[in-house]
Amino acid sequence: MFTPLQIILLAFILFAMSRVLFRAKEKVLSTQAAFFWFIIWTAALIGVILPTTTTQLAEFFGVGRGVDIIVYISLALLFYLVFRIYVMIEDIRHEITSLVREIALKNFSPKKRIKKKKK
């Protein structure tokens, strides 16, 4: 029998998995991204349904408790994802800068320049 917390987590995980599938079907998520998130949510599902697996995983890696290994893996994953987002933002920033320069050069006309007043 599941605890109330497990039931809530299962509902949330199943909802998240449905969103991944829905977004993949809409082509909002690439196949690779959908696969990545589906694996993440499947691992969470296994951890909720079979909590002893996290304890076994922790013992394998020499960590004290199952919840500790989940926290360590989650933090590492979050840092990696934040790094990926940072790199994407930097790429977008460079693209925007290039586009703005290109548009400015296209719209530049020497005849439209404002002449400075002579003193």
PDB file of N, CA and C in Angstrom:
ATOM      1  N   MET A   1       0.841  -1.182   0.000  1.00  0.00           N
ATOM      2  CA  MET A   1       0.000   0.000   0.000  1.00  0.00           C
ATOM      3  C   MET A   1       0.887   1.246   0.000  1.00  0.00           C
ATOM      4  N   PHE A   2       0.467   2.252  -0.747  1.00  0.00           N
ATOM      5  CA  PHE A   2       1.224   3.493  -0.851  1.00  0.00           C
ATOM      6  C   PHE A   2       0.822   4.478   0.236  1.00  0.00           C
ATOM      7  N   THR A   3       1.791   5.286   0.652  1.00  0.00           N
ATOM      8  CA  THR A   3       1.525   6.350   1.618  1.00  0.00           C
ATOM      9  C   THR A   3       0.900   7.536   0.872  1.00  0.00           C
ATOM     10  N   PRO A   4       0.270   8.469   1.601  1.00  0.00           N
ATOM     11  CA  PRO A   4      -0.294   9.647   0.923  1.00  0.00           C
ATOM     12  C   PRO A   4       0.763  10.441   0.132  1.00  0.00           C
ATOM     13  N   LEU A   5       1.978  10.548   0.678  1.00  0.00           N
ATOM     14  CA  LEU A   5       3.036  11.252  -0.034  1.00  0.00           C
ATOM     15  C   LEU A   5       3.390  10.540  -1.339  1.00  0.00           C
ATOM     16  N   GLN A   6       3.473   9.221  -1.305  1.00  0.00           N
ATOM     17  CA  GLN A   6       3.769   8.463  -2.519  1.00  0.00           C
ATOM     18  C   GLN A   6       2.680   8.664  -3.570  1.00  0.00           C
ATOM     19  N   ILE A   7       1.441   8.699  -3.133  1.00  0.00           N
ATOM     20  CA  ILE A   7       0.331   8.895  -4.073  1.00  0.00           C
ATOM     21  C   ILE A   7       0.422  10.270  -4.733  1.00  0.00           C
ATOM     22  N   ILE A   8       0.721  11.286  -3.937  1.00  0.00           N
ATOM     23  CA  ILE A   8       0.865  12.645  -4.476  1.00  0.00           C
ATOM     24  C   ILE A   8       2.036  12.698  -5.461  1.00  0.00           C
ATOM     25  N   LEU A   9       3.153  12.111  -5.070  1.00  0.00           N
ATOM     26  CA  LEU A   9       4.324  12.108  -5.952  1.00  0.00           C
ATOM     27  C   LEU A   9       4.066  11.324  -7.229  1.00  0.00           C
ATOM     28  N   LEU A  10       3.378  10.198  -7.117  1.00  0.00           N
ATOM     29  CA  LEU A  10       3.046   9.412  -8.309  1.00  0.00           C
ATOM     30  C   LEU A  10       2.170  10.220  -9.262  1.00  0.00           C
ATOM     31  N   ALA A  11       1.174  10.903  -8.714  1.00  0.00           N
ATOM     32  CA  ALA A  11       0.296  11.726  -9.552  1.00  0.00           C
ATOM     33  C   ALA A  11       1.102  12.815 -10.254  1.00  0.00           C
ATOM     34  N   PHE A  12       1.985  13.464  -9.512  1.00  0.00           N
ATOM     35  CA  PHE A  12       2.809  14.525 -10.106  1.00  0.00           C
ATOM     36  C   PHE A  12       3.732  13.975 -11.189  1.00  0.00           C
ATOM     37  N   ILE A  13       4.378  12.851 -10.916  1.00  0.00           N
ATOM     38  CA  ILE A  13       5.307  12.259 -11.881  1.00  0.00           C
ATOM     39  C   ILE A  13       4.572  11.826 -13.142  1.00  0.00           C
ATOM     40  N   LEU A  14       3.422  11.213 -12.981  1.00  0.00           N
ATOM     41  CA  LEU A  14       2.644  10.800 -14.158  1.00  0.00           C
ATOM     42  C   LEU A  14       2.187  12.017 -14.961  1.00  0.00           C
ATOM     43  N   PHE A  15       1.811  13.087 -14.265  1.00  0.00           N
ATOM     44  CA  PHE A  15       1.456  14.328 -14.956  1.00  0.00           C
ATOM     45  C   PHE A  15       2.657  14.869 -15.729  1.00  0.00           C
ATOM     46  N   ALA A  16       3.821  14.891 -15.092  1.00  0.00           N
ATOM     47  CA  ALA A  16       5.032  15.391 -15.750  1.00  0.00           C
ATOM     48  C   ALA A  16       5.387  14.537 -16.966  1.00  0.00           C
ATOM     49  N   MET A  17       5.240  13.231 -16.841  1.00  0.00           N
ATOM     50  CA  MET A  17       5.523  12.343 -17.973  1.00  0.00           C
ATOM     51  C   MET A  17       4.552  12.610 -19.124  1.00  0.00           C
ATOM     52  N   SER A  18       3.307  12.862 -18.789  1.00  0.00           N
ATOM     53  CA  SER A  18       2.324  13.159 -19.840  1.00  0.00           C
ATOM     54  C   SER A  18       2.673  14.469 -20.545  1.00  0.00           C
ATOM     55  N   ARG A  19       3.178  15.447 -19.790  1.00  0.00           N
ATOM     56  CA  ARG A  19       3.581  16.720 -20.404  1.00  0.00           C
ATOM     57  C   ARG A  19       4.764  16.506 -21.346  1.00  0.00           C
ATOM     58  N   VAL A  20       5.701  15.646 -20.947  1.00  0.00           N
ATOM     59  CA  VAL A  20       6.854  15.355 -21.808  1.00  0.00           C
ATOM     60  C   VAL A  20       6.377  14.730 -23.111  1.00  0.00           C
ATOM     61  N   LEU A  21       5.501  13.746 -23.012  1.00  0.00           N
ATOM     62  CA  LEU A  21       4.998  13.085 -24.216  1.00  0.00           C
ATOM     63  C   LEU A  21       4.200  14.053 -25.087  1.00  0.00           C
ATOM     64  N   PHE A  22       3.384  14.883 -24.440  1.00  0.00           N
ATOM     65  CA  PHE A  22       2.579  15.859 -25.173  1.00  0.00           C
ATOM     66  C   PHE A  22       3.468  16.870 -25.900  1.00  0.00           C
ATOM     67  N   ARG A  23       4.477  17.374 -25.219  1.00  0.00           N
ATOM     68  CA  ARG A  23       5.389  18.351 -25.834  1.00  0.00           C
ATOM     69  C   ARG A  23       6.221  17.718 -26.955  1.00  0.00           C
ATOM     70  N   ALA A  24       6.579  16.451 -26.793  1.00  0.00           N
ATOM     71  CA  ALA A  24       7.324  15.746 -27.841  1.00  0.00           C
ATOM     72  C   ALA A  24       6.433  15.543 -29.063  1.00  0.00           C
ATOM     73  N   LYS A  25       5.188  15.218 -28.829  1.00  0.00           N
ATOM     74  CA  LYS A  25       4.246  15.016 -29.933  1.00  0.00           C
ATOM     75  C   LYS A  25       4.010  16.320 -30.689  1.00  0.00           C
ATOM     76  N   GLU A  26       3.996  17.449 -29.966  1.00  0.00           N
ATOM     77  CA  GLU A  26       3.831  18.767 -30.583  1.00  0.00           C
ATOM     78  C   GLU A  26       5.110  19.270 -31.238  1.00  0.00           C
ATOM     79  N   LYS A  27       6.201  18.551 -31.076  1.00  0.00           N
ATOM     80  CA  LYS A  27       7.526  18.922 -31.575  1.00  0.00           C
ATOM     81  C   LYS A  27       8.091  20.154 -30.865  1.00  0.00           C
ATOM     82  N   VAL A  28       7.600  20.445 -29.670  1.00  0.00           N
ATOM     83  CA  VAL A  28       8.179  21.521 -28.862  1.00  0.00           C
ATOM     84  C   VAL A  28       9.488  21.027 -28.261  1.00  0.00           C
ATOM     85  N   LEU A  29       9.502  19.761 -27.851  1.00  0.00           N
ATOM     86  CA  LEU A  29      10.714  19.114 -27.340  1.00  0.00           C
ATOM     87  C   LEU A  29      11.286  18.224 -28.432  1.00  0.00           C
ATOM     88  N   SER A  30      12.599  18.241 -28.566  1.00  0.00           N
ATOM     89  CA  SER A  30      13.238  17.318 -29.504  1.00  0.00           C
ATOM     90  C   SER A  30      13.120  15.900 -28.970  1.00  0.00           C
ATOM     91  N   THR A  31      13.354  14.949 -29.818  1.00  0.00           N
ATOM     92  CA  THR A  31      13.297  13.542 -29.395  1.00  0.00           C
ATOM     93  C   THR A  31      14.318  13.262 -28.310  1.00  0.00           C
ATOM     94  N   GLN A  32      15.505  13.855 -28.441  1.00  0.00           N
ATOM     95  CA  GLN A  32      16.558  13.650 -27.445  1.00  0.00           C
ATOM     96  C   GLN A  32      16.166  14.256 -26.099  1.00  0.00           C
ATOM     97  N   ALA A  33      15.615  15.455 -26.116  1.00  0.00           N
ATOM     98  CA  ALA A  33      15.200  16.103 -24.870  1.00  0.00           C
ATOM     99  C   ALA A  33      14.056  15.333 -24.222  1.00  0.00           C
ATOM    100  N   ALA A  34      13.116  14.888 -25.027  1.00  0.00           N
ATOM    101  CA  ALA A  34      11.991  14.109 -24.498  1.00  0.00           C
ATOM    102  C   ALA A  34      12.484  12.804 -23.874  1.00  0.00           C
ATOM    103  N   PHE A  35      13.433  12.165 -24.536  1.00  0.00           N
ATOM    104  CA  PHE A  35      13.997  10.927 -24.000  1.00  0.00           C
ATOM    105  C   PHE A  35      14.692  11.184 -22.670  1.00  0.00           C
ATOM    106  N   PHE A  36      15.492  12.262 -22.610  1.00  0.00           N
ATOM    107  CA  PHE A  36      16.189  12.629 -21.381  1.00  0.00           C
ATOM    108  C   PHE A  36      15.193  12.816 -20.241  1.00  0.00           C
ATOM    109  N   TRP A  37      14.156  13.632 -20.454  1.00  0.00           N
ATOM    110  CA  TRP A  37      13.180  13.902 -19.395  1.00  0.00           C
ATOM    111  C   TRP A  37      12.354  12.671 -19.056  1.00  0.00           C
ATOM    112  N   PHE A  38      12.069  11.849 -20.040  1.00  0.00           N
ATOM    113  CA  PHE A  38      11.322  10.630 -19.764  1.00  0.00           C
ATOM    114  C   PHE A  38      12.141   9.696 -18.866  1.00  0.00           C
ATOM    115  N   ILE A  39      13.445   9.626 -19.106  1.00  0.00           N
ATOM    116  CA  ILE A  39      14.334   8.811 -18.256  1.00  0.00           C
ATOM    117  C   ILE A  39      14.367   9.375 -16.836  1.00  0.00           C
ATOM    118  N   ILE A  40      14.478  10.691 -16.713  1.00  0.00           N
ATOM    119  CA  ILE A  40      14.498  11.327 -15.388  1.00  0.00           C
ATOM    120  C   ILE A  40      13.219  11.009 -14.625  1.00  0.00           C
ATOM    121  N   TRP A  41      12.073  11.180 -15.271  1.00  0.00           N
ATOM    122  CA  TRP A  41      10.791  10.936 -14.598  1.00  0.00           C
ATOM    123  C   TRP A  41      10.571   9.449 -14.332  1.00  0.00           C
ATOM    124  N   THR A  42      11.104   8.579 -15.189  1.00  0.00           N
ATOM    125  CA  THR A  42      11.004   7.144 -14.938  1.00  0.00           C
ATOM    126  C   THR A  42      11.828   6.770 -13.709  1.00  0.00           C
ATOM    127  N   ALA A  43      13.010   7.347 -13.585  1.00  0.00           N
ATOM    128  CA  ALA A  43      13.847   7.093 -12.401  1.00  0.00           C
ATOM    129  C   ALA A  43      13.139   7.578 -11.136  1.00  0.00           C
ATOM    130  N   ALA A  44      12.495   8.739 -11.218  1.00  0.00           N
ATOM    131  CA  ALA A  44      11.742   9.251 -10.068  1.00  0.00           C
ATOM    132  C   ALA A  44      10.580   8.321  -9.736  1.00  0.00           C
ATOM    133  N   LEU A  45       9.919   7.811 -10.759  1.00  0.00           N
ATOM    134  CA  LEU A  45       8.801   6.885 -10.562  1.00  0.00           C
ATOM    135  C   LEU A  45       9.265   5.617  -9.853  1.00  0.00           C
ATOM    136  N   ILE A  46      10.396   5.081 -10.276  1.00  0.00           N
ATOM    137  CA  ILE A  46      10.948   3.887  -9.641  1.00  0.00           C
ATOM    138  C   ILE A  46      11.316   4.185  -8.194  1.00  0.00           C
ATOM    139  N   GLY A  47      11.911   5.346  -7.956  1.00  0.00           N
ATOM    140  CA  GLY A  47      12.283   5.730  -6.593  1.00  0.00           C
ATOM    141  C   GLY A  47      11.088   5.866  -5.666  1.00  0.00           C
ATOM    142  N   VAL A  48       9.963   6.319  -6.203  1.00  0.00           N
ATOM    143  CA  VAL A  48       8.758   6.470  -5.388  1.00  0.00           C
ATOM    144  C   VAL A  48       8.079   5.130  -5.159  1.00  0.00           C
ATOM    145  N   ILE A  49       7.989   4.320  -6.203  1.00  0.00           N
ATOM    146  CA  ILE A  49       7.308   3.020  -6.075  1.00  0.00           C
ATOM    147  C   ILE A  49       8.141   2.035  -5.262  1.00  0.00           C
ATOM    148  N   LEU A  50       9.447   2.027  -5.507  1.00  0.00           N
ATOM    149  CA  LEU A  50      10.349   1.095  -4.813  1.00  0.00           C
ATOM    150  C   LEU A  50      11.424   1.887  -4.057  1.00  0.00           C
ATOM    151  N   PRO A  51      11.094   2.457  -2.904  1.00  0.00           N
ATOM    152  CA  PRO A  51      12.056   3.303  -2.186  1.00  0.00           C
ATOM    153  C   PRO A  51      13.334   2.580  -1.758  1.00  0.00           C
ATOM    154  N   THR A  52      13.288   1.259  -1.656  1.00  0.00           N
ATOM    155  CA  THR A  52      14.506   0.530  -1.264  1.00  0.00           C
ATOM    156  C   THR A  52      15.581   0.591  -2.339  1.00  0.00           C
ATOM    157  N   THR A  53      15.184   0.878  -3.592  1.00  0.00           N
ATOM    158  CA  THR A  53      16.189   0.966  -4.658  1.00  0.00           C
ATOM    159  C   THR A  53      17.153   2.125  -4.413  1.00  0.00           C
ATOM    160  N   THR A  54      16.651   3.214  -3.827  1.00  0.00           N
ATOM    161  CA  THR A  54      17.545   4.337  -3.547  1.00  0.00           C
ATOM    162  C   THR A  54      18.547   3.972  -2.452  1.00  0.00           C
ATOM    163  N   THR A  55      18.106   3.174  -1.486  1.00  0.00           N
ATOM    164  CA  THR A  55      19.011   2.723  -0.422  1.00  0.00           C
ATOM    165  C   THR A  55      20.092   1.814  -1.002  1.00  0.00           C
ATOM    166  N   GLN A  56      19.684   0.917  -1.899  1.00  0.00           N
ATOM    167  CA  GLN A  56      20.651   0.028  -2.541  1.00  0.00           C
ATOM    168  C   GLN A  56      21.643   0.816  -3.393  1.00  0.00           C
ATOM    169  N   LEU A  57      21.143   1.825  -4.101  1.00  0.00           N
ATOM    170  CA  LEU A  57      22.015   2.676  -4.910  1.00  0.00           C
ATOM    171  C   LEU A  57      22.993   3.438  -4.024  1.00  0.00           C
ATOM    172  N   ALA A  58      22.506   3.925  -2.890  1.00  0.00           N
ATOM    173  CA  ALA A  58      23.367   4.648  -1.943  1.00  0.00           C
ATOM    174  C   ALA A  58      24.457   3.725  -1.405  1.00  0.00           C
ATOM    175  N   GLU A  59      24.098   2.504  -1.044  1.00  0.00           N
ATOM    176  CA  GLU A  59      25.093   1.545  -0.548  1.00  0.00           C
ATOM    177  C   GLU A  59      26.140   1.238  -1.613  1.00  0.00           C
ATOM    178  N   PHE A  60      25.693   1.119  -2.858  1.00  0.00           N
ATOM    179  CA  PHE A  60      26.618   0.836  -3.951  1.00  0.00           C
ATOM    180  C   PHE A  60      27.662   1.943  -4.080  1.00  0.00           C
ATOM    181  N   PHE A  61      27.230   3.201  -3.942  1.00  0.00           N
ATOM    182  CA  PHE A  61      28.138   4.336  -4.074  1.00  0.00           C
ATOM    183  C   PHE A  61      28.784   4.737  -2.759  1.00  0.00           C
ATOM    184  N   GLY A  62      28.465   4.040  -1.675  1.00  0.00           N
ATOM    185  CA  GLY A  62      29.087   4.325  -0.394  1.00  0.00           C
ATOM    186  C   GLY A  62      28.531   5.551   0.303  1.00  0.00           C
ATOM    187  N   VAL A  63      27.285   5.863   0.026  1.00  0.00           N
ATOM    188  CA  VAL A  63      26.616   7.004   0.645  1.00  0.00           C
ATOM    189  C   VAL A  63      25.721   6.457   1.754  1.00  0.00           C
ATOM    190  N   GLY A  64      25.543   7.257   2.808  1.00  0.00           N
ATOM    191  CA  GLY A  64      24.808   6.795   3.981  1.00  0.00           C
ATOM    192  C   GLY A  64      23.370   6.366   3.744  1.00  0.00           C
ATOM    193  N   ARG A  65      22.553   7.261   3.184  1.00  0.00           N
ATOM    194  CA  ARG A  65      21.123   6.962   3.040  1.00  0.00           C
ATOM    195  C   ARG A  65      20.679   7.132   1.595  1.00  0.00           C
ATOM    196  N   GLY A  66      19.535   6.534   1.295  1.00  0.00           N
ATOM    197  CA  GLY A  66      18.981   6.628  -0.051  1.00  0.00           C
ATOM    198  C   GLY A  66      18.626   8.044  -0.441  1.00  0.00           C
ATOM    199  N   VAL A  67      18.104   8.798   0.510  1.00  0.00           N
ATOM    200  CA  VAL A  67      17.724  10.177   0.212  1.00  0.00           C
ATOM    201  C   VAL A  67      18.957  11.030  -0.080  1.00  0.00           C
ATOM    202  N   ASP A  68      20.086  10.705   0.529  1.00  0.00           N
ATOM    203  CA  ASP A  68      21.318  11.456   0.278  1.00  0.00           C
ATOM    204  C   ASP A  68      21.761  11.310  -1.177  1.00  0.00           C
ATOM    205  N   ILE A  69      21.708  10.096  -1.701  1.00  0.00           N
ATOM    206  CA  ILE A  69      22.128   9.885  -3.095  1.00  0.00           C
ATOM    207  C   ILE A  69      21.199  10.619  -4.047  1.00  0.00           C
ATOM    208  N   ILE A  70      19.918  10.684  -3.700  1.00  0.00           N
ATOM    209  CA  ILE A  70      18.965  11.421  -4.536  1.00  0.00           C
ATOM    210  C   ILE A  70      19.311  12.912  -4.533  1.00  0.00           C
ATOM    211  N   VAL A  71      19.642  13.446  -3.372  1.00  0.00           N
ATOM    212  CA  VAL A  71      20.002  14.863  -3.277  1.00  0.00           C
ATOM    213  C   VAL A  71      21.277  15.136  -4.070  1.00  0.00           C
ATOM    214  N   TYR A  72      22.285  14.285  -3.949  1.00  0.00           N
ATOM    215  CA  TYR A  72      23.546  14.479  -4.665  1.00  0.00           C
ATOM    216  C   TYR A  72      23.326  14.439  -6.182  1.00  0.00           C
ATOM    217  N   ILE A  73      22.590  13.444  -6.635  1.00  0.00           N
ATOM    218  CA  ILE A  73      22.327  13.320  -8.075  1.00  0.00           C
ATOM    219  C   ILE A  73      21.501  14.505  -8.564  1.00  0.00           C
ATOM    220  N   SER A  74      20.511  14.899  -7.779  1.00  0.00           N
ATOM    221  CA  SER A  74      19.656  16.033  -8.166  1.00  0.00           C
ATOM    222  C   SER A  74      20.459  17.322  -8.268  1.00  0.00           C
ATOM    223  N   LEU A  75      21.326  17.569  -7.296  1.00  0.00           N
ATOM    224  CA  LEU A  75      22.152  18.780  -7.338  1.00  0.00           C
ATOM    225  C   LEU A  75      23.081  18.784  -8.553  1.00  0.00           C
ATOM    226  N   ALA A  76      23.704  17.656  -8.819  1.00  0.00           N
ATOM    227  CA  ALA A  76      24.600  17.568  -9.975  1.00  0.00           C
ATOM    228  C   ALA A  76      23.811  17.810 -11.266  1.00  0.00           C
ATOM    229  N   LEU A  77      22.636  17.225 -11.358  1.00  0.00           N
ATOM    230  CA  LEU A  77      21.796  17.400 -12.540  1.00  0.00           C
ATOM    231  C   LEU A  77      21.344  18.853 -12.679  1.00  0.00           C
ATOM    232  N   LEU A  78      20.954  19.462 -11.587  1.00  0.00           N
ATOM    233  CA  LEU A  78      20.527  20.866 -11.623  1.00  0.00           C
ATOM    234  C   LEU A  78      21.663  21.791 -12.040  1.00  0.00           C
ATOM    235  N   PHE A  79      22.857  21.576 -11.497  1.00  0.00           N
ATOM    236  CA  PHE A  79      24.004  22.387 -11.897  1.00  0.00           C
ATOM    237  C   PHE A  79      24.291  22.233 -13.389  1.00  0.00           C
ATOM    238  N   TYR A  80      24.206  21.008 -13.880  1.00  0.00           N
ATOM    239  CA  TYR A  80      24.432  20.765 -15.307  1.00  0.00           C
ATOM    240  C   TYR A  80      23.383  21.483 -16.152  1.00  0.00           C
ATOM    241  N   LEU A  81      22.125  21.385 -15.757  1.00  0.00           N
ATOM    242  CA  LEU A  81      21.058  22.033 -16.522  1.00  0.00           C
ATOM    243  C   LEU A  81      21.172  23.552 -16.476  1.00  0.00           C
ATOM    244  N   VAL A  82      21.545  24.115 -15.344  1.00  0.00           N
ATOM    245  CA  VAL A  82      21.755  25.559 -15.253  1.00  0.00           C
ATOM    246  C   VAL A  82      22.908  25.973 -16.175  1.00  0.00           C
ATOM    247  N   PHE A  83      23.962  25.184 -16.215  1.00  0.00           N
ATOM    248  CA  PHE A  83      25.077  25.458 -17.118  1.00  0.00           C
ATOM    249  C   PHE A  83      24.616  25.460 -18.564  1.00  0.00           C
ATOM    250  N   ARG A  84      23.825  24.450 -18.934  1.00  0.00           N
ATOM    251  CA  ARG A  84      23.300  24.373 -20.314  1.00  0.00           C
ATOM    252  C   ARG A  84      22.449  25.586 -20.641  1.00  0.00           C
ATOM    253  N   ILE A  85      21.616  26.008 -19.708  1.00  0.00           N
ATOM    254  CA  ILE A  85      20.768  27.188 -19.928  1.00  0.00           C
ATOM    255  C   ILE A  85      21.639  28.432 -20.076  1.00  0.00           C
ATOM    256  N   TYR A  86      22.670  28.559 -19.252  1.00  0.00           N
ATOM    257  CA  TYR A  86      23.583  29.701 -19.339  1.00  0.00           C
ATOM    258  C   TYR A  86      24.245  29.759 -20.716  1.00  0.00           C
ATOM    259  N   VAL A  87      24.704  28.624 -21.209  1.00  0.00           N
ATOM    260  CA  VAL A  87      25.345  28.577 -22.524  1.00  0.00           C
ATOM    261  C   VAL A  87      24.341  28.969 -23.605  1.00  0.00           C
ATOM    262  N   MET A  88      23.115  28.477 -23.507  1.00  0.00           N
ATOM    263  CA  MET A  88      22.089  28.844 -24.486  1.00  0.00           C
ATOM    264  C   MET A  88      21.812  30.343 -24.474  1.00  0.00           C
ATOM    265  N   ILE A  89      21.719  30.921 -23.286  1.00  0.00           N
ATOM    266  CA  ILE A  89      21.457  32.355 -23.170  1.00  0.00           C
ATOM    267  C   ILE A  89      22.598  33.152 -23.777  1.00  0.00           C
ATOM    268  N   GLU A  90      23.831  32.732 -23.538  1.00  0.00           N
ATOM    269  CA  GLU A  90      24.979  33.419 -24.126  1.00  0.00           C
ATOM    270  C   GLU A  90      24.938  33.337 -25.649  1.00  0.00           C
ATOM    271  N   ASP A  91      24.598  32.169 -26.188  1.00  0.00           N
ATOM    272  CA  ASP A  91      24.486  32.019 -27.641  1.00  0.00           C
ATOM    273  C   ASP A  91      23.407  32.940 -28.202  1.00  0.00           C
ATOM    274  N   ILE A  92      22.279  33.005 -27.532  1.00  0.00           N
ATOM    275  CA  ILE A  92      21.183  33.876 -27.979  1.00  0.00           C
ATOM    276  C   ILE A  92      21.618  35.336 -27.909  1.00  0.00           C
ATOM    277  N   ARG A  93      22.320  35.702 -26.859  1.00  0.00           N
ATOM    278  CA  ARG A  93      22.805  37.084 -26.718  1.00  0.00           C
ATOM    279  C   ARG A  93      23.728  37.458 -27.873  1.00  0.00           C
ATOM    280  N   HIS A  94      24.622  36.549 -28.246  1.00  0.00           N
ATOM    281  CA  HIS A  94      25.532  36.816 -29.360  1.00  0.00           C
ATOM    282  C   HIS A  94      24.766  36.909 -30.681  1.00  0.00           C
ATOM    283  N   GLU A  95      23.776  36.052 -30.871  1.00  0.00           N
ATOM    284  CA  GLU A  95      22.970  36.103 -32.091  1.00  0.00           C
ATOM    285  C   GLU A  95      22.202  37.411 -32.183  1.00  0.00           C
ATOM    286  N   ILE A  96      21.624  37.852 -31.071  1.00  0.00           N
ATOM    287  CA  ILE A  96      20.876  39.116 -31.063  1.00  0.00           C
ATOM    288  C   ILE A  96      21.810  40.277 -31.388  1.00  0.00           C
ATOM    289  N   THR A  97      22.995  40.277 -30.805  1.00  0.00           N
ATOM    290  CA  THR A  97      23.967  41.336 -31.084  1.00  0.00           C
ATOM    291  C   THR A  97      24.322  41.366 -32.566  1.00  0.00           C
ATOM    292  N   SER A  98      24.551  40.210 -33.145  1.00  0.00           N
ATOM    293  CA  SER A  98      24.887  40.139 -34.574  1.00  0.00           C
ATOM    294  C   SER A  98      23.729  40.640 -35.433  1.00  0.00           C
ATOM    295  N   LEU A  99      22.527  40.243 -35.090  1.00  0.00           N
ATOM    296  CA  LEU A  99      21.357  40.682 -35.851  1.00  0.00           C
ATOM    297  C   LEU A  99      21.148  42.190 -35.759  1.00  0.00           C
ATOM    298  N   VAL A 100      21.303  42.730 -34.566  1.00  0.00           N
ATOM    299  CA  VAL A 100      21.134  44.173 -34.389  1.00  0.00           C
ATOM    300  C   VAL A 100      22.182  44.928 -35.205  1.00  0.00           C
ATOM    301  N   ARG A 101      23.410  44.466 -35.200  1.00  0.00           N
ATOM    302  CA  ARG A 101      24.457  45.110 -35.997  1.00  0.00           C
ATOM    303  C   ARG A 101      24.124  45.043 -37.484  1.00  0.00           C
ATOM    304  N   GLU A 102      23.694  43.860 -37.929  1.00  0.00           N
ATOM    305  CA  GLU A 102      23.360  43.682 -39.342  1.00  0.00           C
ATOM    306  C   GLU A 102      22.211  44.597 -39.752  1.00  0.00           C
ATOM    307  N   ILE A 103      21.188  44.690 -38.949  1.00  0.00           N
ATOM    308  CA  ILE A 103      20.036  45.558 -39.239  1.00  0.00           C
ATOM    309  C   ILE A 103      20.458  47.020 -39.227  1.00  0.00           C
ATOM    310  N   ALA A 104      21.290  47.391 -38.261  1.00  0.00           N
ATOM    311  CA  ALA A 104      21.761  48.776 -38.184  1.00  0.00           C
ATOM    312  C   ALA A 104      22.566  49.151 -39.421  1.00  0.00           C
ATOM    313  N   LEU A 105      23.413  48.241 -39.894  1.00  0.00           N
ATOM    314  CA  LEU A 105      24.205  48.528 -41.094  1.00  0.00           C
ATOM    315  C   LEU A 105      23.335  48.591 -42.343  1.00  0.00           C
ATOM    316  N   LYS A 106      22.295  47.787 -42.419  1.00  0.00           N
ATOM    317  CA  LYS A 106      21.386  47.829 -43.566  1.00  0.00           C
ATOM    318  C   LYS A 106      20.620  49.143 -43.594  1.00  0.00           C
ATOM    319  N   ASN A 107      20.226  49.631 -42.440  1.00  0.00           N
ATOM    320  CA  ASN A 107      19.418  50.850 -42.360  1.00  0.00           C
ATOM    321  C   ASN A 107      20.251  52.121 -42.357  1.00  0.00           C
ATOM    322  N   PHE A 108      21.555  51.993 -42.311  1.00  0.00           N
ATOM    323  CA  PHE A 108      22.432  53.165 -42.265  1.00  0.00           C
ATOM    324  C   PHE A 108      22.485  53.807 -43.639  1.00  0.00           C
ATOM    325  N   SER A 109      22.265  55.081 -43.662  1.00  0.00           N
ATOM    326  CA  SER A 109      22.357  55.825 -44.905  1.00  0.00           C
ATOM    327  C   SER A 109      23.139  57.104 -44.625  1.00  0.00           C
ATOM    328  N   PRO A 110      24.239  57.360 -45.365  1.00  0.00           N
ATOM    329  CA  PRO A 110      25.021  58.566 -45.106  1.00  0.00           C
ATOM    330  C   PRO A 110      24.205  59.848 -45.297  1.00  0.00           C
ATOM    331  N   LYS A 111      23.201  59.821 -46.157  1.00  0.00           N
ATOM    332  CA  LYS A 111      22.387  61.010 -46.412  1.00  0.00           C
ATOM    333  C   LYS A 111      21.522  61.358 -45.201  1.00  0.00           C
ATOM    334  N   LYS A 112      21.185  60.366 -44.416  1.00  0.00           N
ATOM    335  CA  LYS A 112      20.316  60.579 -43.269  1.00  0.00           C
ATOM    336  C   LYS A 112      21.069  61.023 -42.027  1.00  0.00           C
ATOM    337  N   ARG A 113      22.398  61.040 -42.111  1.00  0.00           N
ATOM    338  CA  ARG A 113      23.176  61.441 -40.941  1.00  0.00           C
ATOM    339  C   ARG A 113      22.922  62.884 -40.601  1.00  0.00           C
ATOM    340  N   ILE A 114      22.867  63.161 -39.333  1.00  0.00           N
ATOM    341  CA  ILE A 114      22.672  64.530 -38.870  1.00  0.00           C
ATOM    342  C   ILE A 114      24.020  65.232 -38.901  1.00  0.00           C
ATOM    343  N   LYS A 115      24.037  66.413 -39.550  1.00  0.00           N
ATOM    344  CA  LYS A 115      25.283  67.171 -39.646  1.00  0.00           C
ATOM    345  C   LYS A 115      25.496  67.934 -38.353  1.00  0.00           C
ATOM    346  N   LYS A 116      26.728  67.913 -37.878  1.00  0.00           N
ATOM    347  CA  LYS A 116      27.076  68.652 -36.670  1.00  0.00           C
ATOM    348  C   LYS A 116      27.230  70.116 -37.005  1.00  0.00           C
ATOM    349  N   LYS A 117      26.788  70.963 -36.063  1.00  0.00           N
ATOM    350  CA  LYS A 117      26.919  72.404 -36.266  1.00  0.00           C
ATOM    351  C   LYS A 117      28.369  72.825 -36.037  1.00  0.00           C
ATOM    352  N   LYS A 118      28.834  73.738 -36.868  1.00  0.00           N
ATOM    353  CA  LYS A 118      30.196  74.264 -36.696  1.00  0.00           C
ATOM    354  C   LYS A 118      30.132  75.444 -35.750  1.00  0.00           C
ATOM    355  N   LYS A 119      31.123  75.543 -34.874  1.00  0.00           N
ATOM    356  CA  LYS A 119      31.180  76.672 -33.920  1.00  0.00           C
ATOM    357  C   LYS A 119      32.050  77.745 -34.421  1.00  0.00           C
TER     358      LYS A 119
END
